[in-house]
Amino acid sequence: MALSWSLLPIGRLLYLAISLSLAATPALGQGTRVGFYSSSCPQAESIVRSTVQSHFSSDPTVAPGLLRVHFHDCFVQGCDASILITGPSTERNAPPNLLLRGFDAIDNAKTRLEAACPGVVSCADIIALAARDAVVLTGGASWSVPTGRRDGLVSSASDTANLPAFTDSVDVQKQKFLDKGLDTQDLVTLVGGHTIGTSACQFFRYRLYNFTTTGNGADPSIDPTFLSQLQALCPANGDGTRRVALDNGSVGRFDVSYFTNLRNSRGVLESDQKLWTDASTRVFVQRFAGPISGLLGLRFDVEFPRAMVKMGNIGVKTGTDGEIRRVCTAFNS
């Protein structure tokens, strides 16, 4: 159901509706707006897009990486590129962020933007634009990204403690999202970004062998056939860094199969599968995965862009707040 650059007639109408509805609001959040760089750096979005495309062509795993970077950035200090700062005690080197990827694409885009429009485009906006472009490259819907964010001046590893975690209960997940102004539907929608990308065995192997004290020790919520597949991919004493698709059978395609997998007890992460076992979130999984999605259900290719715009305005810095970094990995001196 996801849209791509090659849109069918109905898809064109849907894409236009999304774009126009977002563009019709000049200020979304705290001062961001669609087309912020239209005069100061009109080629900004095309530079980011072509950079992401180049990296994606040589390594498609950059797409889910860029999407995760945006998510992890916005949930800590707001969407201010604090995750890009390098150093021993920064967000980037905190345990939840150690396996993130896509930083090279962001750095390359920044280098090109500084050559074209020095000191104009923030690293925070590059992250937001790159996440959108990554979704499109994997077959998802496009949307108009409000820009005008400025880069933050703080990056601390200790601030990552409240990032959503793979062992979180649904209640804990909901509270973490609510703390950022995001509701339960936003939670399910945004976690649906796991339709692309992988996870390392070390983050879910405990579900396969050491989850219970009875039977085979596996999480009983896992489909038995799928359990065998996961155990083959992640042996009990195997390589914990081996990566497994979060969306079984559709790892590189931005679609609704992720929700279908949850319905079929084929979620890889514990926190993901709980979205189906908990009644408060199951209703949204059903509406995304259902056979009548878009009528009585929900259209993922409509709701995901809306949720991304909402998330992209968490704690943004605009006006004279923050700075426009010269390089994304370091604060201006």
C-alpha atoms as a PDB file:
ATOM      1  CA  MET A   1       0.000   0.000   0.000  1.00  0.00           C
ATOM      2  CA  ALA A   2       3.000   2.310   0.264  1.00  0.00           C
ATOM      3  CA  LEU A   3       3.613   4.922  -2.372  1.00  0.00           C
ATOM      4  CA  SER A   4       6.759   5.357  -4.427  1.00  0.00           C
ATOM      5  CA  TRP A   5       8.075   7.951  -6.850  1.00  0.00           C
ATOM      6  CA  SER A   6       6.083   6.155  -9.570  1.00  0.00           C
ATOM      7  CA  LEU A   7       2.602   6.885  -8.303  1.00  0.00           C
ATOM      8  CA  LEU A   8      -0.668   5.577  -9.657  1.00  0.00           C
ATOM      9  CA  PRO A   9      -3.410   8.164 -10.335  1.00  0.00           C
ATOM     10  CA  ILE A  10      -5.053   7.628  -6.934  1.00  0.00           C
ATOM     11  CA  GLY A  11      -1.641   7.719  -5.354  1.00  0.00           C
ATOM     12  CA  ARG A  12      -0.924  11.080  -6.988  1.00  0.00           C
ATOM     13  CA  LEU A  13      -4.045  12.507  -5.420  1.00  0.00           C
ATOM     14  CA  LEU A  14      -3.067  11.089  -2.043  1.00  0.00           C
ATOM     15  CA  TYR A  15       0.476  12.461  -2.313  1.00  0.00           C
ATOM     16  CA  LEU A  16      -0.832  15.899  -3.278  1.00  0.00           C
ATOM     17  CA  ALA A  17      -3.315  15.829  -0.425  1.00  0.00           C
ATOM     18  CA  ILE A  18      -0.570  15.046   2.096  1.00  0.00           C
ATOM     19  CA  SER A  19       1.772  17.691   0.691  1.00  0.00           C
ATOM     20  CA  LEU A  20      -0.860  20.401   0.438  1.00  0.00           C
ATOM     21  CA  SER A  21      -2.261  19.719   3.891  1.00  0.00           C
ATOM     22  CA  LEU A  22       1.204  20.069   5.427  1.00  0.00           C
ATOM     23  CA  ALA A  23       2.218  23.037   3.299  1.00  0.00           C
ATOM     24  CA  ALA A  24      -1.022  24.852   4.067  1.00  0.00           C
ATOM     25  CA  THR A  25       0.161  25.375   7.619  1.00  0.00           C
ATOM     26  CA  PRO A  26       3.000  27.915   7.514  1.00  0.00           C
ATOM     27  CA  ALA A  27       4.222  27.138  11.010  1.00  0.00           C
ATOM     28  CA  LEU A  28       4.148  23.603  12.378  1.00  0.00           C
ATOM     29  CA  GLY A  29       5.519  23.270  15.863  1.00  0.00           C
ATOM     30  CA  GLN A  30       7.695  26.043  17.193  1.00  0.00           C
ATOM     31  CA  GLY A  31       8.535  28.059  14.108  1.00  0.00           C
ATOM     32  CA  THR A  32       9.332  25.404  11.520  1.00  0.00           C
ATOM     33  CA  ARG A  33       7.634  25.668   8.142  1.00  0.00           C
ATOM     34  CA  VAL A  34       7.641  23.995   4.782  1.00  0.00           C
ATOM     35  CA  GLY A  35       9.980  25.772   2.383  1.00  0.00           C
ATOM     36  CA  PHE A  36      12.081  27.495   5.043  1.00  0.00           C
ATOM     37  CA  TYR A  37      15.132  27.488   2.716  1.00  0.00           C
ATOM     38  CA  SER A  38      13.293  28.453  -0.464  1.00  0.00           C
ATOM     39  CA  SER A  39      15.142  31.774  -0.637  1.00  0.00           C
ATOM     40  CA  SER A  40      18.271  31.251   1.468  1.00  0.00           C
ATOM     41  CA  CYS A  41      19.257  27.882  -0.041  1.00  0.00           C
ATOM     42  CA  PRO A  42      16.732  26.734  -2.658  1.00  0.00           C
ATOM     43  CA  GLN A  43      18.765  23.645  -3.553  1.00  0.00           C
ATOM     44  CA  ALA A  44      18.922  22.410   0.050  1.00  0.00           C
ATOM     45  CA  GLU A  45      16.384  19.602  -0.258  1.00  0.00           C
ATOM     46  CA  SER A  46      17.674  18.389  -3.608  1.00  0.00           C
ATOM     47  CA  ILE A  47      21.235  18.241  -2.240  1.00  0.00           C
ATOM     48  CA  VAL A  48      20.125  16.124   0.712  1.00  0.00           C
ATOM     49  CA  ARG A  49      17.996  13.914  -1.537  1.00  0.00           C
ATOM     50  CA  SER A  50      20.763  13.236  -4.043  1.00  0.00           C
ATOM     51  CA  THR A  51      23.258  12.529  -1.257  1.00  0.00           C
ATOM     52  CA  VAL A  52      20.943  10.010   0.381  1.00  0.00           C
ATOM     53  CA  GLN A  53      20.240   8.449  -3.022  1.00  0.00           C
ATOM     54  CA  SER A  54      23.964   8.044  -3.660  1.00  0.00           C
ATOM     55  CA  HIS A  55      24.577   6.351  -0.322  1.00  0.00           C
ATOM     56  CA  PHE A  56      21.474   4.182  -0.707  1.00  0.00           C
ATOM     57  CA  SER A  57      22.644   2.993  -4.136  1.00  0.00           C
ATOM     58  CA  SER A  58      25.826   1.576  -2.628  1.00  0.00           C
ATOM     59  CA  ASP A  59      24.319   0.482   0.713  1.00  0.00           C
ATOM     60  CA  PRO A  60      20.520   0.156   1.074  1.00  0.00           C
ATOM     61  CA  THR A  61      20.868  -0.321   4.850  1.00  0.00           C
ATOM     62  CA  VAL A  62      21.469   3.416   5.101  1.00  0.00           C
ATOM     63  CA  ALA A  63      17.705   3.949   4.708  1.00  0.00           C
ATOM     64  CA  PRO A  64      16.540   2.387   7.992  1.00  0.00           C
ATOM     65  CA  GLY A  65      19.670   3.840   9.589  1.00  0.00           C
ATOM     66  CA  LEU A  66      18.704   7.403   8.715  1.00  0.00           C
ATOM     67  CA  LEU A  67      15.154   6.849   9.914  1.00  0.00           C
ATOM     68  CA  ARG A  68      16.417   5.565  13.275  1.00  0.00           C
ATOM     69  CA  VAL A  69      18.841   8.483  13.644  1.00  0.00           C
ATOM     70  CA  HIS A  70      15.934  10.941  13.314  1.00  0.00           C
ATOM     71  CA  PHE A  71      13.866   9.036  15.865  1.00  0.00           C
ATOM     72  CA  HIS A  72      16.708   8.722  18.386  1.00  0.00           C
ATOM     73  CA  ASP A  73      17.633  12.373  17.931  1.00  0.00           C
ATOM     74  CA  CYS A  74      14.135  13.737  18.500  1.00  0.00           C
ATOM     75  CA  PHE A  75      13.553  11.695  21.657  1.00  0.00           C
ATOM     76  CA  VAL A  76      16.621  13.192  23.360  1.00  0.00           C
ATOM     77  CA  GLN A  77      16.891  16.989  23.721  1.00  0.00           C
ATOM     78  CA  GLY A  78      14.385  17.359  20.865  1.00  0.00           C
ATOM     79  CA  CYS A  79      15.102  17.322  17.116  1.00  0.00           C
ATOM     80  CA  ASP A  80      18.338  19.296  17.338  1.00  0.00           C
ATOM     81  CA  ALA A  81      21.049  17.017  15.892  1.00  0.00           C
ATOM     82  CA  SER A  82      22.513  16.436  19.357  1.00  0.00           C
ATOM     83  CA  ILE A  83      22.926  12.796  18.350  1.00  0.00           C
ATOM     84  CA  LEU A  84      25.572  13.731  15.759  1.00  0.00           C
ATOM     85  CA  ILE A  85      28.135  15.174  18.179  1.00  0.00           C
ATOM     86  CA  THR A  86      31.149  12.902  18.603  1.00  0.00           C
ATOM     87  CA  GLY A  87      32.920  12.409  21.926  1.00  0.00           C
ATOM     88  CA  PRO A  88      33.175   9.875  24.751  1.00  0.00           C
ATOM     89  CA  SER A  89      30.207  11.158  26.769  1.00  0.00           C
ATOM     90  CA  THR A  90      27.866  12.267  23.977  1.00  0.00           C
ATOM     91  CA  GLU A  91      24.543  10.774  22.879  1.00  0.00           C
ATOM     92  CA  ARG A  92      26.183   9.165  19.893  1.00  0.00           C
ATOM     93  CA  ASN A  93      28.352   6.992  22.144  1.00  0.00           C
ATOM     94  CA  ALA A  94      25.572   5.987  24.541  1.00  0.00           C
ATOM     95  CA  PRO A  95      24.643   2.271  24.454  1.00  0.00           C
ATOM     96  CA  PRO A  96      21.247   2.751  22.709  1.00  0.00           C
ATOM     97  CA  ASN A  97      22.951   4.547  19.811  1.00  0.00           C
ATOM     98  CA  LEU A  98      26.111   2.528  19.247  1.00  0.00           C
ATOM     99  CA  LEU A  99      24.700   0.526  16.331  1.00  0.00           C
ATOM    100  CA  LEU A 100      23.049   3.428  14.522  1.00  0.00           C
ATOM    101  CA  ARG A 101      24.169   4.033  10.963  1.00  0.00           C
ATOM    102  CA  GLY A 102      23.766   6.692   8.285  1.00  0.00           C
ATOM    103  CA  PHE A 103      26.068   9.303   9.824  1.00  0.00           C
ATOM    104  CA  ASP A 104      28.301   9.422   6.732  1.00  0.00           C
ATOM    105  CA  ALA A 105      25.363  10.377   4.530  1.00  0.00           C
ATOM    106  CA  ILE A 106      24.442  13.234   6.866  1.00  0.00           C
ATOM    107  CA  ASP A 107      28.053  14.458   7.026  1.00  0.00           C
ATOM    108  CA  ASN A 108      28.380  14.339   3.238  1.00  0.00           C
ATOM    109  CA  ALA A 109      25.152  16.264   2.765  1.00  0.00           C
ATOM    110  CA  LYS A 110      26.393  18.896   5.210  1.00  0.00           C
ATOM    111  CA  THR A 111      29.700  19.235   3.335  1.00  0.00           C
ATOM    112  CA  ARG A 112      27.836  19.806   0.066  1.00  0.00           C
ATOM    113  CA  LEU A 113      25.416  22.266   1.675  1.00  0.00           C
ATOM    114  CA  GLU A 114      28.228  24.275   3.236  1.00  0.00           C
ATOM    115  CA  ALA A 115      29.812  24.597  -0.199  1.00  0.00           C
ATOM    116  CA  ALA A 116      26.542  25.765  -1.726  1.00  0.00           C
ATOM    117  CA  CYS A 117      25.067  27.811   1.144  1.00  0.00           C
ATOM    118  CA  PRO A 118      27.586  28.341   3.958  1.00  0.00           C
ATOM    119  CA  GLY A 119      26.130  28.586   7.446  1.00  0.00           C
ATOM    120  CA  VAL A 120      22.504  28.273   6.352  1.00  0.00           C
ATOM    121  CA  VAL A 121      21.165  24.701   6.650  1.00  0.00           C
ATOM    122  CA  SER A 122      21.162  23.060  10.073  1.00  0.00           C
ATOM    123  CA  CYS A 123      22.230  19.514  10.739  1.00  0.00           C
ATOM    124  CA  ALA A 124      18.878  18.967  12.473  1.00  0.00           C
ATOM    125  CA  ASP A 125      17.063  19.752   9.223  1.00  0.00           C
ATOM    126  CA  ILE A 126      19.394  17.497   7.261  1.00  0.00           C
ATOM    127  CA  ILE A 127      18.411  14.614   9.560  1.00  0.00           C
ATOM    128  CA  ALA A 128      14.699  15.292   9.083  1.00  0.00           C
ATOM    129  CA  LEU A 129      14.996  15.588   5.299  1.00  0.00           C
ATOM    130  CA  ALA A 130      17.202  12.508   5.024  1.00  0.00           C
ATOM    131  CA  ALA A 131      14.705  10.414   7.010  1.00  0.00           C
ATOM    132  CA  ARG A 132      11.929  11.383   4.593  1.00  0.00           C
ATOM    133  CA  ASP A 133      14.105  10.600   1.578  1.00  0.00           C
ATOM    134  CA  ALA A 134      15.056   7.236   3.077  1.00  0.00           C
ATOM    135  CA  VAL A 135      11.392   6.273   3.424  1.00  0.00           C
ATOM    136  CA  VAL A 136      10.697   7.222  -0.196  1.00  0.00           C
ATOM    137  CA  LEU A 137      13.670   5.213  -1.464  1.00  0.00           C
ATOM    138  CA  THR A 138      12.236   2.093   0.191  1.00  0.00           C
ATOM    139  CA  GLY A 139       8.801   2.560  -1.370  1.00  0.00           C
ATOM    140  CA  GLY A 140       7.096   4.681   1.259  1.00  0.00           C
ATOM    141  CA  ALA A 141       5.066   7.849   0.821  1.00  0.00           C
ATOM    142  CA  SER A 142       6.726  11.233   0.544  1.00  0.00           C
ATOM    143  CA  TRP A 143       5.713  14.290   2.536  1.00  0.00           C
ATOM    144  CA  SER A 144       6.592  17.950   2.880  1.00  0.00           C
ATOM    145  CA  VAL A 145       9.106  18.373   5.704  1.00  0.00           C
ATOM    146  CA  PRO A 146       8.790  21.539   7.790  1.00  0.00           C
ATOM    147  CA  THR A 147      12.282  23.010   8.244  1.00  0.00           C
ATOM    148  CA  GLY A 148      13.884  25.830  10.189  1.00  0.00           C
ATOM    149  CA  ARG A 149      15.327  23.837  13.081  1.00  0.00           C
ATOM    150  CA  ARG A 150      18.573  24.966  14.648  1.00  0.00           C
ATOM    151  CA  ASP A 151      21.240  22.728  16.116  1.00  0.00           C
ATOM    152  CA  GLY A 152      21.445  22.155  19.849  1.00  0.00           C
ATOM    153  CA  LEU A 153      24.309  22.998  22.177  1.00  0.00           C
ATOM    154  CA  VAL A 154      24.085  19.982  24.488  1.00  0.00           C
ATOM    155  CA  SER A 155      24.797  16.294  23.876  1.00  0.00           C
ATOM    156  CA  SER A 156      25.021  13.986  26.874  1.00  0.00           C
ATOM    157  CA  ALA A 157      25.023  10.199  26.942  1.00  0.00           C
ATOM    158  CA  SER A 158      23.083  10.189  30.201  1.00  0.00           C
ATOM    159  CA  ASP A 159      20.099  11.832  28.485  1.00  0.00           C
ATOM    160  CA  THR A 160      19.486   8.684  26.416  1.00  0.00           C
ATOM    161  CA  ALA A 161      18.184   6.749  29.419  1.00  0.00           C
ATOM    162  CA  ASN A 162      14.586   7.541  28.507  1.00  0.00           C
ATOM    163  CA  LEU A 163      14.770   6.346  24.905  1.00  0.00           C
ATOM    164  CA  PRO A 164      12.162   3.647  24.155  1.00  0.00           C
ATOM    165  CA  ALA A 165      13.764   0.244  24.763  1.00  0.00           C
ATOM    166  CA  PHE A 166      13.174  -3.217  23.305  1.00  0.00           C
ATOM    167  CA  THR A 167      12.077  -4.633  26.679  1.00  0.00           C
ATOM    168  CA  ASP A 168       9.617  -1.834  27.509  1.00  0.00           C
ATOM    169  CA  SER A 169       6.035  -2.733  28.349  1.00  0.00           C
ATOM    170  CA  VAL A 170       3.323  -1.039  26.330  1.00  0.00           C
ATOM    171  CA  ASP A 171       2.480   1.200  29.286  1.00  0.00           C
ATOM    172  CA  VAL A 172       6.102   2.341  29.496  1.00  0.00           C
ATOM    173  CA  GLN A 173       6.230   2.873  25.732  1.00  0.00           C
ATOM    174  CA  LYS A 174       3.042   4.914  25.813  1.00  0.00           C
ATOM    175  CA  GLN A 175       4.344   7.078  28.653  1.00  0.00           C
ATOM    176  CA  LYS A 176       7.638   7.752  26.870  1.00  0.00           C
ATOM    177  CA  PHE A 177       5.769   8.818  23.742  1.00  0.00           C
ATOM    178  CA  LEU A 178       3.229  10.831  25.734  1.00  0.00           C
ATOM    179  CA  ASP A 179       6.086  12.694  27.401  1.00  0.00           C
ATOM    180  CA  LYS A 180       7.008  13.899  23.893  1.00  0.00           C
ATOM    181  CA  GLY A 181       3.460  14.889  22.970  1.00  0.00           C
ATOM    182  CA  LEU A 182       2.771  11.722  20.978  1.00  0.00           C
ATOM    183  CA  ASP A 183      -0.331   9.586  21.529  1.00  0.00           C
ATOM    184  CA  THR A 184      -0.912   5.832  21.269  1.00  0.00           C
ATOM    185  CA  GLN A 185      -1.683   5.943  17.555  1.00  0.00           C
ATOM    186  CA  ASP A 186       1.534   7.893  16.977  1.00  0.00           C
ATOM    187  CA  LEU A 187       3.402   5.198  18.924  1.00  0.00           C
ATOM    188  CA  VAL A 188       2.131   2.337  16.776  1.00  0.00           C
ATOM    189  CA  THR A 189       2.551   4.335  13.587  1.00  0.00           C
ATOM    190  CA  LEU A 190       6.136   5.403  14.262  1.00  0.00           C
ATOM    191  CA  VAL A 191       7.252   1.997  15.508  1.00  0.00           C
ATOM    192  CA  GLY A 192       5.899   0.815  12.157  1.00  0.00           C
ATOM    193  CA  GLY A 193       9.129   2.265  10.791  1.00  0.00           C
ATOM    194  CA  HIS A 194      10.511  -1.165  11.710  1.00  0.00           C
ATOM    195  CA  THR A 195       9.030  -2.282   8.402  1.00  0.00           C
ATOM    196  CA  ILE A 196      12.558  -1.575   7.124  1.00  0.00           C
ATOM    197  CA  GLY A 197      15.792  -2.511   8.801  1.00  0.00           C
ATOM    198  CA  THR A 198      17.238  -5.169  11.065  1.00  0.00           C
ATOM    199  CA  SER A 199      18.096  -5.892  14.675  1.00  0.00           C
ATOM    200  CA  ALA A 200      21.120  -7.638  16.132  1.00  0.00           C
ATOM    201  CA  CYS A 201      20.516 -11.045  17.718  1.00  0.00           C
ATOM    202  CA  GLN A 202      21.743  -9.694  21.062  1.00  0.00           C
ATOM    203  CA  PHE A 203      18.593  -7.591  21.396  1.00  0.00           C
ATOM    204  CA  PHE A 204      16.071 -10.424  21.161  1.00  0.00           C
ATOM    205  CA  ARG A 205      17.907 -13.736  21.607  1.00  0.00           C
ATOM    206  CA  TYR A 206      16.727 -13.927  25.240  1.00  0.00           C
ATOM    207  CA  ARG A 207      13.193 -14.352  23.854  1.00  0.00           C
ATOM    208  CA  LEU A 208      14.268 -17.506  22.065  1.00  0.00           C
ATOM    209  CA  TYR A 209      15.925 -19.409  24.926  1.00  0.00           C
ATOM    210  CA  ASN A 210      15.714 -17.746  28.336  1.00  0.00           C
ATOM    211  CA  PHE A 211      12.323 -16.063  28.442  1.00  0.00           C
ATOM    212  CA  THR A 212      10.372 -18.547  30.565  1.00  0.00           C
ATOM    213  CA  THR A 213      11.127 -21.125  33.221  1.00  0.00           C
ATOM    214  CA  THR A 214       8.882 -23.801  31.680  1.00  0.00           C
ATOM    215  CA  GLY A 215       8.772 -25.605  28.377  1.00  0.00           C
ATOM    216  CA  ASN A 216      11.417 -24.653  25.848  1.00  0.00           C
ATOM    217  CA  GLY A 217      12.180 -21.378  27.593  1.00  0.00           C
ATOM    218  CA  ALA A 218      11.000 -19.263  24.654  1.00  0.00           C
ATOM    219  CA  ASP A 219       8.585 -16.362  24.693  1.00  0.00           C
ATOM    220  CA  PRO A 220       5.177 -18.049  24.255  1.00  0.00           C
ATOM    221  CA  SER A 221       3.941 -15.143  22.155  1.00  0.00           C
ATOM    222  CA  ILE A 222       6.246 -16.158  19.264  1.00  0.00           C
ATOM    223  CA  ASP A 223       4.725 -18.285  16.518  1.00  0.00           C
ATOM    224  CA  PRO A 224       6.371 -21.757  16.835  1.00  0.00           C
ATOM    225  CA  THR A 225       7.408 -21.917  13.185  1.00  0.00           C
ATOM    226  CA  PHE A 226       8.898 -18.439  13.354  1.00  0.00           C
ATOM    227  CA  LEU A 227      10.637 -19.347  16.610  1.00  0.00           C
ATOM    228  CA  SER A 228      12.497 -22.153  14.835  1.00  0.00           C
ATOM    229  CA  GLN A 229      13.552 -19.747  12.093  1.00  0.00           C
ATOM    230  CA  LEU A 230      14.864 -17.227  14.597  1.00  0.00           C
ATOM    231  CA  GLN A 231      16.704 -19.905  16.571  1.00  0.00           C
ATOM    232  CA  ALA A 232      18.420 -21.021  13.370  1.00  0.00           C
ATOM    233  CA  LEU A 233      19.468 -17.441  12.651  1.00  0.00           C
ATOM    234  CA  CYS A 234      20.492 -16.721  16.240  1.00  0.00           C
ATOM    235  CA  PRO A 235      21.889 -19.825  17.975  1.00  0.00           C
ATOM    236  CA  ALA A 236      22.086 -19.680  21.754  1.00  0.00           C
ATOM    237  CA  ASN A 237      25.855 -19.234  21.727  1.00  0.00           C
ATOM    238  CA  GLY A 238      26.122 -17.631  18.306  1.00  0.00           C
ATOM    239  CA  ASP A 239      27.234 -14.209  17.115  1.00  0.00           C
ATOM    240  CA  GLY A 240      25.196 -11.590  18.964  1.00  0.00           C
ATOM    241  CA  THR A 241      25.934  -8.968  16.322  1.00  0.00           C
ATOM    242  CA  ARG A 242      24.343 -10.957  13.497  1.00  0.00           C
ATOM    243  CA  ARG A 243      21.468  -8.966  12.062  1.00  0.00           C
ATOM    244  CA  VAL A 244      17.960 -10.226  11.381  1.00  0.00           C
ATOM    245  CA  ALA A 245      15.131  -8.496   9.505  1.00  0.00           C
ATOM    246  CA  LEU A 246      12.594  -6.774  11.744  1.00  0.00           C
ATOM    247  CA  ASP A 247       9.957  -7.274   9.052  1.00  0.00           C
ATOM    248  CA  ASN A 248      10.227 -10.909   8.036  1.00  0.00           C
ATOM    249  CA  GLY A 249       9.892 -11.288   4.270  1.00  0.00           C
ATOM    250  CA  SER A 250       9.856  -7.556   3.483  1.00  0.00           C
ATOM    251  CA  VAL A 251      12.959  -6.074   5.083  1.00  0.00           C
ATOM    252  CA  GLY A 252      13.689  -3.484   2.391  1.00  0.00           C
ATOM    253  CA  ARG A 253      10.141  -2.430   1.536  1.00  0.00           C
ATOM    254  CA  PHE A 254       8.196   0.256   3.372  1.00  0.00           C
ATOM    255  CA  ASP A 255       4.806  -1.434   3.639  1.00  0.00           C
ATOM    256  CA  VAL A 256       2.250  -2.810   6.109  1.00  0.00           C
ATOM    257  CA  SER A 257       3.658  -6.342   6.323  1.00  0.00           C
ATOM    258  CA  TYR A 258       5.288  -5.388   9.621  1.00  0.00           C
ATOM    259  CA  PHE A 259       1.812  -5.088  11.161  1.00  0.00           C
ATOM    260  CA  THR A 260       0.690  -8.333   9.534  1.00  0.00           C
ATOM    261  CA  ASN A 261       3.681 -10.039  11.124  1.00  0.00           C
ATOM    262  CA  LEU A 262       2.702  -8.731  14.559  1.00  0.00           C
ATOM    263  CA  ARG A 263      -0.810 -10.070  14.038  1.00  0.00           C
ATOM    264  CA  ASN A 264       0.721 -13.446  13.154  1.00  0.00           C
ATOM    265  CA  SER A 265       2.982 -13.471  16.260  1.00  0.00           C
ATOM    266  CA  ARG A 266       6.071 -12.836  14.153  1.00  0.00           C
ATOM    267  CA  GLY A 267       7.424  -9.714  15.799  1.00  0.00           C
ATOM    268  CA  VAL A 268      11.160  -9.881  16.399  1.00  0.00           C
ATOM    269  CA  LEU A 269      11.558  -7.434  19.284  1.00  0.00           C
ATOM    270  CA  GLU A 270       9.642  -8.006  22.508  1.00  0.00           C
ATOM    271  CA  SER A 271       8.446  -4.386  22.568  1.00  0.00           C
ATOM    272  CA  ASP A 272       7.138  -4.745  19.008  1.00  0.00           C
ATOM    273  CA  GLN A 273       5.152  -7.940  19.622  1.00  0.00           C
ATOM    274  CA  LYS A 274       3.608  -6.397  22.725  1.00  0.00           C
ATOM    275  CA  LEU A 275       1.852  -3.921  20.434  1.00  0.00           C
ATOM    276  CA  TRP A 276      -0.332  -6.854  19.397  1.00  0.00           C
ATOM    277  CA  THR A 277      -0.754  -8.545  22.781  1.00  0.00           C
ATOM    278  CA  ASP A 278      -1.854  -5.304  24.474  1.00  0.00           C
ATOM    279  CA  ALA A 279      -5.448  -4.323  23.685  1.00  0.00           C
ATOM    280  CA  SER A 280      -4.775  -0.580  23.696  1.00  0.00           C
ATOM    281  CA  THR A 281      -2.288  -0.821  20.829  1.00  0.00           C
ATOM    282  CA  ARG A 282      -3.685  -3.910  19.097  1.00  0.00           C
ATOM    283  CA  VAL A 283      -6.576  -1.870  17.727  1.00  0.00           C
ATOM    284  CA  PHE A 284      -4.165   0.274  15.706  1.00  0.00           C
ATOM    285  CA  VAL A 285      -2.139  -2.709  14.515  1.00  0.00           C
ATOM    286  CA  GLN A 286      -5.399  -4.288  13.325  1.00  0.00           C
ATOM    287  CA  ARG A 287      -6.439  -1.157  11.489  1.00  0.00           C
ATOM    288  CA  PHE A 288      -3.110  -0.921   9.678  1.00  0.00           C
ATOM    289  CA  ALA A 289      -2.938  -4.644   8.861  1.00  0.00           C
ATOM    290  CA  GLY A 290      -6.614  -5.273   8.163  1.00  0.00           C
ATOM    291  CA  PRO A 291      -7.986  -6.222   4.723  1.00  0.00           C
ATOM    292  CA  ILE A 292     -10.017  -3.017   4.558  1.00  0.00           C
ATOM    293  CA  SER A 293      -7.193  -0.673   5.499  1.00  0.00           C
ATOM    294  CA  GLY A 294      -8.013   2.854   4.365  1.00  0.00           C
ATOM    295  CA  LEU A 295     -11.770   2.403   4.691  1.00  0.00           C
ATOM    296  CA  LEU A 296     -12.584   1.325   8.224  1.00  0.00           C
ATOM    297  CA  GLY A 297      -8.883   0.859   8.790  1.00  0.00           C
ATOM    298  CA  LEU A 298      -5.902   3.203   8.727  1.00  0.00           C
ATOM    299  CA  ARG A 299      -3.649   3.953   5.782  1.00  0.00           C
ATOM    300  CA  PHE A 300      -0.041   3.631   6.805  1.00  0.00           C
ATOM    301  CA  ASP A 301       1.060   5.751   3.850  1.00  0.00           C
ATOM    302  CA  VAL A 302      -1.089   8.602   5.198  1.00  0.00           C
ATOM    303  CA  GLU A 303      -0.587   8.237   8.929  1.00  0.00           C
ATOM    304  CA  PHE A 304       3.174   7.702   8.896  1.00  0.00           C
ATOM    305  CA  PRO A 305       3.923  11.081   7.232  1.00  0.00           C
ATOM    306  CA  ARG A 306       1.586  12.816   9.678  1.00  0.00           C
ATOM    307  CA  ALA A 307       3.261  11.162  12.657  1.00  0.00           C
ATOM    308  CA  MET A 308       6.728  11.982  11.307  1.00  0.00           C
ATOM    309  CA  VAL A 309       5.876  15.666  10.984  1.00  0.00           C
ATOM    310  CA  LYS A 310       4.521  15.615  14.535  1.00  0.00           C
ATOM    311  CA  MET A 311       7.610  13.843  15.867  1.00  0.00           C
ATOM    312  CA  GLY A 312       9.894  16.122  13.867  1.00  0.00           C
ATOM    313  CA  ASN A 313       8.714  19.111  15.886  1.00  0.00           C
ATOM    314  CA  ILE A 314       9.555  17.715  19.318  1.00  0.00           C
ATOM    315  CA  GLY A 315      11.544  20.319  21.215  1.00  0.00           C
ATOM    316  CA  VAL A 316      12.824  22.090  18.111  1.00  0.00           C
ATOM    317  CA  LYS A 317      15.085  25.113  18.458  1.00  0.00           C
ATOM    318  CA  THR A 318      14.342  28.033  16.172  1.00  0.00           C
ATOM    319  CA  GLY A 319      15.055  31.744  15.853  1.00  0.00           C
ATOM    320  CA  THR A 320      18.097  32.623  17.939  1.00  0.00           C
ATOM    321  CA  ASP A 321      18.042  29.413  19.978  1.00  0.00           C
ATOM    322  CA  GLY A 322      20.921  27.032  19.292  1.00  0.00           C
ATOM    323  CA  GLU A 323      23.210  27.455  16.289  1.00  0.00           C
ATOM    324  CA  ILE A 324      23.860  26.385  12.705  1.00  0.00           C
ATOM    325  CA  ARG A 325      26.852  24.072  12.979  1.00  0.00           C
ATOM    326  CA  ARG A 326      29.682  24.305  10.492  1.00  0.00           C
ATOM    327  CA  VAL A 327      30.203  20.548  10.770  1.00  0.00           C
ATOM    328  CA  CYS A 328      27.611  18.202  12.190  1.00  0.00           C
ATOM    329  CA  THR A 329      29.919  16.312  14.508  1.00  0.00           C
ATOM    330  CA  ALA A 330      31.056  19.248  16.656  1.00  0.00           C
ATOM    331  CA  PHE A 331      29.636  22.379  18.252  1.00  0.00           C
ATOM    332  CA  ASN A 332      30.873  25.655  16.755  1.00  0.00           C
ATOM    333  CA  SER A 333      33.853  26.974  18.671  1.00  0.00           C
END
